[in-house]
Amino acid sequence: MATKKYTVTLPEELAEEIRHEVGSGGFSAYVTRAIERQREQDRLGELVTWLEEEHGPVTEEELASAEAERREFERHFTEQGPGAAGERHRRAS
């Protein structure tokens, strides 16, 4: 992907924290990843808005059901332990 230099204004303390953590060579890559993540969040927000316009807002019951399912998945994978999925894949090969 082609790149172009831009000038942006950032709070000095924030910029220096990032530069300290990633080094001067990693600063642009860090900012690029942050902008990409923000764009993903913006697109997801647009999708949610569109879905709510098409189907109405998510109900409390639907949210509770989704949260219960998420907790069940989390419990299942926690019980499997780290690396369990990779181990199953190796055995299947």
C-alpha atoms as a PDB file:
ATOM      1  CA  MET A   1       0.000   0.000   0.000  1.00  0.00           C
ATOM      2  CA  ALA A   2       1.341   3.408  -0.920  1.00  0.00           C
ATOM      3  CA  THR A   3       1.979   5.798   1.930  1.00  0.00           C
ATOM      4  CA  LYS A   4       1.897   9.563   2.217  1.00  0.00           C
ATOM      5  CA  LYS A   5       3.103  11.778   5.015  1.00  0.00           C
ATOM      6  CA  TYR A   6       0.445  13.789   6.886  1.00  0.00           C
ATOM      7  CA  THR A   7       0.658  16.234   9.726  1.00  0.00           C
ATOM      8  CA  VAL A   8      -1.601  15.578  12.699  1.00  0.00           C
ATOM      9  CA  THR A   9      -1.821  17.225  16.077  1.00  0.00           C
ATOM     10  CA  LEU A  10      -1.755  14.944  19.128  1.00  0.00           C
ATOM     11  CA  PRO A  11      -1.597  15.609  22.834  1.00  0.00           C
ATOM     12  CA  GLU A  12       2.128  15.682  23.591  1.00  0.00           C
ATOM     13  CA  GLU A  13       1.929  13.397  26.618  1.00  0.00           C
ATOM     14  CA  LEU A  14       0.003  10.733  24.689  1.00  0.00           C
ATOM     15  CA  ALA A  15       2.356  10.885  21.710  1.00  0.00           C
ATOM     16  CA  GLU A  16       5.426  10.591  23.943  1.00  0.00           C
ATOM     17  CA  GLU A  17       3.921   7.615  25.830  1.00  0.00           C
ATOM     18  CA  ILE A  18       3.346   5.813  22.534  1.00  0.00           C
ATOM     19  CA  ARG A  19       6.787   6.706  21.166  1.00  0.00           C
ATOM     20  CA  HIS A  20       8.366   5.435  24.394  1.00  0.00           C
ATOM     21  CA  GLU A  21       6.476   2.128  24.142  1.00  0.00           C
ATOM     22  CA  VAL A  22       6.953   1.421  20.420  1.00  0.00           C
ATOM     23  CA  GLY A  23      10.085   3.377  19.568  1.00  0.00           C
ATOM     24  CA  SER A  24      10.327   6.117  16.982  1.00  0.00           C
ATOM     25  CA  GLY A  25      10.249   3.611  14.096  1.00  0.00           C
ATOM     26  CA  GLY A  26       7.001   2.036  15.303  1.00  0.00           C
ATOM     27  CA  PHE A  27       5.054   5.233  15.866  1.00  0.00           C
ATOM     28  CA  SER A  28       3.515   5.480  12.386  1.00  0.00           C
ATOM     29  CA  ALA A  29       2.566   1.789  12.385  1.00  0.00           C
ATOM     30  CA  TYR A  30       0.921   2.214  15.800  1.00  0.00           C
ATOM     31  CA  VAL A  31      -1.096   5.214  14.659  1.00  0.00           C
ATOM     32  CA  THR A  32      -2.075   3.407  11.445  1.00  0.00           C
ATOM     33  CA  ARG A  33      -3.379   0.404  13.409  1.00  0.00           C
ATOM     34  CA  ALA A  34      -5.305   2.713  15.751  1.00  0.00           C
ATOM     35  CA  ILE A  35      -6.966   4.474  12.808  1.00  0.00           C
ATOM     36  CA  GLU A  36      -7.804   1.137  11.167  1.00  0.00           C
ATOM     37  CA  ARG A  37      -9.443  -0.087  14.390  1.00  0.00           C
ATOM     38  CA  GLN A  38     -11.444   3.131  14.649  1.00  0.00           C
ATOM     39  CA  ARG A  39     -12.642   2.744  11.065  1.00  0.00           C
ATOM     40  CA  GLU A  40     -13.748  -0.827  11.863  1.00  0.00           C
ATOM     41  CA  GLN A  41     -15.673   0.472  14.891  1.00  0.00           C
ATOM     42  CA  ASP A  42     -17.267   3.196  12.761  1.00  0.00           C
ATOM     43  CA  ARG A  43     -18.367   0.628  10.172  1.00  0.00           C
ATOM     44  CA  LEU A  44     -19.771  -1.648  12.876  1.00  0.00           C
ATOM     45  CA  GLY A  45     -21.706   1.307  14.262  1.00  0.00           C
ATOM     46  CA  GLU A  46     -23.116   2.002  10.806  1.00  0.00           C
ATOM     47  CA  LEU A  47     -24.118  -1.676  10.505  1.00  0.00           C
ATOM     48  CA  VAL A  48     -25.861  -1.601  13.894  1.00  0.00           C
ATOM     49  CA  THR A  49     -27.726   1.551  12.896  1.00  0.00           C
ATOM     50  CA  TRP A  50     -28.824  -0.018   9.609  1.00  0.00           C
ATOM     51  CA  LEU A  51     -29.881  -3.279  11.288  1.00  0.00           C
ATOM     52  CA  GLU A  52     -31.888  -1.382  13.910  1.00  0.00           C
ATOM     53  CA  GLU A  53     -33.589   0.636  11.173  1.00  0.00           C
ATOM     54  CA  GLU A  54     -34.462  -2.582   9.323  1.00  0.00           C
ATOM     55  CA  HIS A  55     -35.386  -4.811  12.290  1.00  0.00           C
ATOM     56  CA  GLY A  56     -35.875  -2.520  15.263  1.00  0.00           C
ATOM     57  CA  PRO A  57     -33.653  -2.168  18.320  1.00  0.00           C
ATOM     58  CA  VAL A  58     -32.304  -5.186  20.157  1.00  0.00           C
ATOM     59  CA  THR A  59     -34.530  -6.048  23.111  1.00  0.00           C
ATOM     60  CA  GLU A  60     -33.338  -6.579  26.674  1.00  0.00           C
ATOM     61  CA  GLU A  61     -34.345 -10.230  26.318  1.00  0.00           C
ATOM     62  CA  GLU A  62     -32.194 -10.648  23.196  1.00  0.00           C
ATOM     63  CA  LEU A  63     -29.253  -8.960  24.916  1.00  0.00           C
ATOM     64  CA  ALA A  64     -29.606 -11.237  27.958  1.00  0.00           C
ATOM     65  CA  SER A  65     -29.785 -14.309  25.740  1.00  0.00           C
ATOM     66  CA  ALA A  66     -26.693 -13.275  23.784  1.00  0.00           C
ATOM     67  CA  GLU A  67     -24.781 -12.560  27.006  1.00  0.00           C
ATOM     68  CA  ALA A  68     -25.736 -15.973  28.432  1.00  0.00           C
ATOM     69  CA  GLU A  69     -24.506 -17.633  25.247  1.00  0.00           C
ATOM     70  CA  ARG A  70     -21.244 -15.654  25.357  1.00  0.00           C
ATOM     71  CA  ARG A  71     -20.659 -16.730  28.969  1.00  0.00           C
ATOM     72  CA  GLU A  72     -21.316 -20.358  28.017  1.00  0.00           C
ATOM     73  CA  PHE A  73     -18.757 -20.189  25.193  1.00  0.00           C
ATOM     74  CA  GLU A  74     -16.262 -18.531  27.533  1.00  0.00           C
ATOM     75  CA  ARG A  75     -16.809 -21.238  30.168  1.00  0.00           C
ATOM     76  CA  HIS A  76     -16.425 -24.001  27.587  1.00  0.00           C
ATOM     77  CA  PHE A  77     -13.158 -22.649  26.193  1.00  0.00           C
ATOM     78  CA  THR A  78     -11.785 -21.883  29.653  1.00  0.00           C
ATOM     79  CA  GLU A  79     -12.389 -25.495  30.666  1.00  0.00           C
ATOM     80  CA  GLN A  80     -10.616 -26.694  27.525  1.00  0.00           C
ATOM     81  CA  GLY A  81      -7.466 -24.877  28.632  1.00  0.00           C
ATOM     82  CA  PRO A  82      -4.880 -23.053  26.540  1.00  0.00           C
ATOM     83  CA  GLY A  83      -3.813 -24.763  23.348  1.00  0.00           C
ATOM     84  CA  ALA A  84      -6.678 -27.281  23.378  1.00  0.00           C
ATOM     85  CA  ALA A  85      -7.928 -26.246  19.945  1.00  0.00           C
ATOM     86  CA  GLY A  86      -4.456 -26.566  18.434  1.00  0.00           C
ATOM     87  CA  GLU A  87      -3.991 -29.965  20.050  1.00  0.00           C
ATOM     88  CA  ARG A  88      -7.296 -31.229  18.599  1.00  0.00           C
ATOM     89  CA  HIS A  89      -6.222 -29.929  15.174  1.00  0.00           C
ATOM     90  CA  ARG A  90      -2.879 -31.778  15.343  1.00  0.00           C
ATOM     91  CA  ARG A  91      -4.582 -35.034  16.344  1.00  0.00           C
ATOM     92  CA  ALA A  92      -7.065 -34.700  13.472  1.00  0.00           C
ATOM     93  CA  SER A  93      -4.255 -34.232  10.916  1.00  0.00           C
END
